[in-house]
């Protein structure tokens, strides 16, 4: 994995350093120091309900954390 810095401007990314890669590679772009107002609804504390959580977990026998750990182990 290689990390490079650059600048995004008007739909284009300009890297601070050149890099030579002879094939297509996947990239991960992280925008730092950006303040964007999302048009999508953001979650608030009012979106969460203790009663709904209890209802969803009513049939769970044992610990939720143990169930999550077991599920992740079986996925490996």
N, C-alpha and C. Protein backbone atom coordinates (compact mmCIF):
# COMPACT_ATOMS: atom_id res chain seq x y z
N UNK A 1 0.85 -1.17 0.00
CA UNK A 1 0.00 0.00 0.00
C UNK A 1 0.90 1.23 0.00
N UNK A 2 0.54 2.21 -0.81
CA UNK A 2 1.29 3.45 -0.91
C UNK A 2 0.35 4.60 -0.59
N UNK A 3 0.82 5.54 0.20
CA UNK A 3 0.01 6.70 0.54
C UNK A 3 0.60 7.94 -0.11
N UNK A 4 -0.23 8.67 -0.83
CA UNK A 4 0.19 9.91 -1.46
C UNK A 4 -0.73 11.03 -1.04
N UNK A 5 -0.24 12.24 -1.06
CA UNK A 5 -1.09 13.38 -0.78
C UNK A 5 -1.33 14.14 -2.07
N UNK A 6 -2.36 14.94 -2.07
CA UNK A 6 -2.69 15.72 -3.25
C UNK A 6 -3.79 16.71 -2.93
N UNK A 7 -4.35 17.29 -3.98
CA UNK A 7 -5.39 18.29 -3.82
C UNK A 7 -6.54 17.98 -4.77
N UNK A 8 -7.76 18.06 -4.25
CA UNK A 8 -8.96 17.90 -5.08
C UNK A 8 -9.47 19.28 -5.42
N UNK A 9 -9.75 19.52 -6.70
CA UNK A 9 -10.28 20.80 -7.13
C UNK A 9 -11.16 20.61 -8.35
N UNK A 10 -12.42 20.92 -8.21
CA UNK A 10 -13.36 20.91 -9.32
C UNK A 10 -13.38 19.57 -10.07
N UNK A 11 -13.43 18.48 -9.32
CA UNK A 11 -13.54 17.16 -9.93
C UNK A 11 -12.23 16.51 -10.31
N UNK A 12 -11.13 17.15 -10.08
CA UNK A 12 -9.81 16.61 -10.43
C UNK A 12 -8.94 16.48 -9.19
N UNK A 13 -8.13 15.42 -9.18
CA UNK A 13 -7.16 15.23 -8.10
C UNK A 13 -5.77 15.41 -8.68
N UNK A 14 -4.99 16.29 -8.07
CA UNK A 14 -3.61 16.52 -8.46
C UNK A 14 -2.72 16.01 -7.34
N UNK A 15 -1.86 15.02 -7.66
CA UNK A 15 -0.96 14.46 -6.65
C UNK A 15 0.21 15.39 -6.41
N UNK A 16 0.69 15.42 -5.16
CA UNK A 16 1.84 16.25 -4.82
C UNK A 16 3.14 15.70 -5.38
N UNK A 17 3.18 14.39 -5.61
CA UNK A 17 4.37 13.73 -6.17
C UNK A 17 3.93 12.83 -7.32
N UNK A 18 4.75 12.72 -8.36
CA UNK A 18 4.40 11.80 -9.45
C UNK A 18 4.59 10.35 -9.00
N UNK A 19 3.80 9.46 -9.59
CA UNK A 19 3.95 8.03 -9.31
C UNK A 19 3.76 7.28 -10.62
N UNK A 20 4.60 6.28 -10.86
CA UNK A 20 4.50 5.47 -12.08
C UNK A 20 3.95 4.10 -11.73
N UNK A 21 2.76 3.80 -12.22
CA UNK A 21 2.14 2.50 -12.03
C UNK A 21 1.70 2.03 -13.40
N UNK A 22 2.12 0.82 -13.78
CA UNK A 22 1.88 0.31 -15.13
C UNK A 22 0.55 -0.42 -15.29
N UNK A 23 -0.23 -0.52 -14.24
CA UNK A 23 -1.50 -1.24 -14.33
C UNK A 23 -2.57 -0.51 -13.54
N UNK A 24 -3.81 -0.90 -13.75
CA UNK A 24 -4.91 -0.31 -12.99
C UNK A 24 -4.85 -0.82 -11.56
N UNK A 25 -5.05 0.07 -10.63
CA UNK A 25 -5.07 -0.30 -9.22
C UNK A 25 -6.24 0.40 -8.55
N UNK A 26 -6.77 -0.24 -7.51
CA UNK A 26 -7.83 0.38 -6.73
C UNK A 26 -7.21 1.43 -5.82
N UNK A 27 -7.97 2.48 -5.56
CA UNK A 27 -7.50 3.54 -4.68
C UNK A 27 -8.57 3.84 -3.64
N UNK A 28 -8.15 4.43 -2.57
CA UNK A 28 -9.04 4.90 -1.52
C UNK A 28 -8.77 6.39 -1.35
N UNK A 29 -9.79 7.21 -1.53
CA UNK A 29 -9.63 8.65 -1.44
C UNK A 29 -10.28 9.12 -0.14
N UNK A 30 -9.53 9.84 0.68
CA UNK A 30 -10.04 10.39 1.93
C UNK A 30 -9.96 11.90 1.85
N UNK A 31 -11.08 12.56 2.07
CA UNK A 31 -11.10 14.02 2.08
C UNK A 31 -10.89 14.49 3.50
N UNK A 32 -9.83 15.27 3.72
CA UNK A 32 -9.51 15.79 5.05
C UNK A 32 -9.91 17.26 5.12
N UNK A 33 -10.23 17.70 6.32
CA UNK A 33 -10.53 19.12 6.55
C UNK A 33 -11.61 19.64 5.61
N UNK A 34 -12.72 18.93 5.54
CA UNK A 34 -13.80 19.36 4.66
C UNK A 34 -15.05 19.54 5.49
N UNK A 35 -15.77 20.60 5.24
CA UNK A 35 -17.01 20.89 5.95
C UNK A 35 -18.12 20.97 4.91
N UNK A 36 -18.82 19.87 4.72
CA UNK A 36 -19.87 19.78 3.71
C UNK A 36 -21.19 19.52 4.39
N UNK A 37 -22.19 20.28 4.05
CA UNK A 37 -23.53 20.04 4.56
C UNK A 37 -24.16 18.95 3.71
N UNK A 38 -24.48 17.84 4.32
CA UNK A 38 -25.08 16.72 3.61
C UNK A 38 -26.55 17.00 3.36
N UNK A 39 -27.01 16.66 2.15
CA UNK A 39 -28.42 16.81 1.83
C UNK A 39 -29.22 15.63 2.35
N UNK A 40 -28.52 14.56 2.70
CA UNK A 40 -29.18 13.39 3.25
C UNK A 40 -29.48 13.62 4.73
N UNK A 41 -30.51 12.93 5.22
CA UNK A 41 -30.86 13.04 6.63
C UNK A 41 -29.77 12.40 7.48
N UNK A 42 -29.33 13.11 8.47
CA UNK A 42 -28.34 12.58 9.39
C UNK A 42 -29.04 11.96 10.59
N UNK A 43 -28.42 10.93 11.16
CA UNK A 43 -29.00 10.29 12.34
C UNK A 43 -28.84 11.20 13.56
N UNK A 44 -29.85 11.18 14.40
CA UNK A 44 -29.80 11.90 15.66
C UNK A 44 -30.15 10.92 16.77
N UNK A 45 -30.02 11.35 18.01
CA UNK A 45 -30.38 10.48 19.12
C UNK A 45 -31.86 10.10 19.09
N UNK A 46 -32.68 10.95 18.50
CA UNK A 46 -34.11 10.64 18.40
C UNK A 46 -34.39 9.47 17.45
N UNK A 47 -33.42 9.12 16.60
CA UNK A 47 -33.59 8.01 15.66
C UNK A 47 -33.38 6.66 16.34
N UNK A 48 -32.88 6.65 17.57
CA UNK A 48 -32.60 5.42 18.28
C UNK A 48 -33.63 5.20 19.38
N UNK A 49 -34.00 3.95 19.57
CA UNK A 49 -35.01 3.64 20.57
C UNK A 49 -34.55 2.44 21.39
N UNK A 50 -34.46 2.62 22.69
CA UNK A 50 -34.11 1.53 23.58
C UNK A 50 -35.16 0.42 23.49
N UNK A 51 -36.43 0.81 23.40
CA UNK A 51 -37.52 -0.17 23.30
C UNK A 51 -37.41 -1.00 22.02
N UNK A 52 -37.07 -0.37 20.89
CA UNK A 52 -36.92 -1.12 19.64
C UNK A 52 -35.75 -2.09 19.73
N UNK A 53 -34.66 -1.66 20.35
CA UNK A 53 -33.50 -2.54 20.52
C UNK A 53 -33.84 -3.75 21.37
N UNK A 54 -34.58 -3.53 22.43
CA UNK A 54 -35.01 -4.65 23.29
C UNK A 54 -35.91 -5.61 22.52
N UNK A 55 -36.80 -5.06 21.69
CA UNK A 55 -37.71 -5.91 20.91
C UNK A 55 -36.92 -6.77 19.91
N UNK A 56 -35.96 -6.18 19.25
CA UNK A 56 -35.14 -6.91 18.27
C UNK A 56 -34.37 -8.04 18.95
N UNK A 57 -33.88 -7.80 20.16
CA UNK A 57 -33.03 -8.76 20.85
C UNK A 57 -33.78 -9.67 21.83
N UNK A 58 -35.11 -9.63 21.83
CA UNK A 58 -35.88 -10.38 22.82
C UNK A 58 -35.65 -11.88 22.77
N UNK A 59 -35.34 -12.44 21.59
CA UNK A 59 -35.14 -13.89 21.47
C UNK A 59 -33.68 -14.31 21.61
N UNK A 60 -32.80 -13.35 21.82
CA UNK A 60 -31.37 -13.67 21.96
C UNK A 60 -31.12 -14.29 23.33
N UNK A 61 -30.52 -15.46 23.32
CA UNK A 61 -30.16 -16.14 24.56
C UNK A 61 -28.67 -15.88 24.81
N UNK A 62 -28.33 -15.27 25.92
CA UNK A 62 -26.94 -15.02 26.24
C UNK A 62 -26.55 -13.58 25.94
N UNK A 63 -25.27 -13.40 25.70
CA UNK A 63 -24.68 -12.08 25.53
C UNK A 63 -24.65 -11.66 24.06
N UNK A 64 -25.03 -10.41 23.78
CA UNK A 64 -24.96 -9.88 22.42
C UNK A 64 -23.52 -9.88 21.93
N UNK A 65 -22.58 -9.48 22.78
CA UNK A 65 -21.17 -9.45 22.35
C UNK A 65 -20.68 -10.85 22.02
N UNK A 66 -21.08 -11.87 22.81
CA UNK A 66 -20.70 -13.24 22.49
C UNK A 66 -21.29 -13.69 21.16
N UNK A 67 -22.52 -13.28 20.87
CA UNK A 67 -23.16 -13.64 19.60
C UNK A 67 -22.44 -13.00 18.43
N UNK A 68 -22.02 -11.74 18.59
CA UNK A 68 -21.29 -11.05 17.52
C UNK A 68 -19.94 -11.72 17.29
N UNK A 69 -19.23 -12.04 18.36
CA UNK A 69 -17.92 -12.70 18.23
C UNK A 69 -18.08 -14.04 17.53
N UNK A 70 -19.07 -14.83 17.91
CA UNK A 70 -19.30 -16.14 17.28
C UNK A 70 -19.64 -15.99 15.80
N UNK A 71 -20.46 -15.00 15.48
CA UNK A 71 -20.82 -14.76 14.07
C UNK A 71 -19.58 -14.42 13.25
N UNK A 72 -18.72 -13.59 13.79
CA UNK A 72 -17.50 -13.19 13.07
C UNK A 72 -16.53 -14.37 12.93
N UNK A 73 -16.43 -15.20 13.96
CA UNK A 73 -15.56 -16.38 13.87
C UNK A 73 -16.05 -17.34 12.80
N UNK A 74 -17.37 -17.53 12.72
CA UNK A 74 -17.90 -18.48 11.74
C UNK A 74 -17.78 -17.94 10.33
N UNK A 75 -17.64 -16.62 10.17
CA UNK A 75 -17.49 -16.03 8.83
C UNK A 75 -16.07 -16.21 8.28
N UNK A 76 -15.13 -16.52 9.16
CA UNK A 76 -13.73 -16.66 8.73
C UNK A 76 -13.50 -17.99 8.08
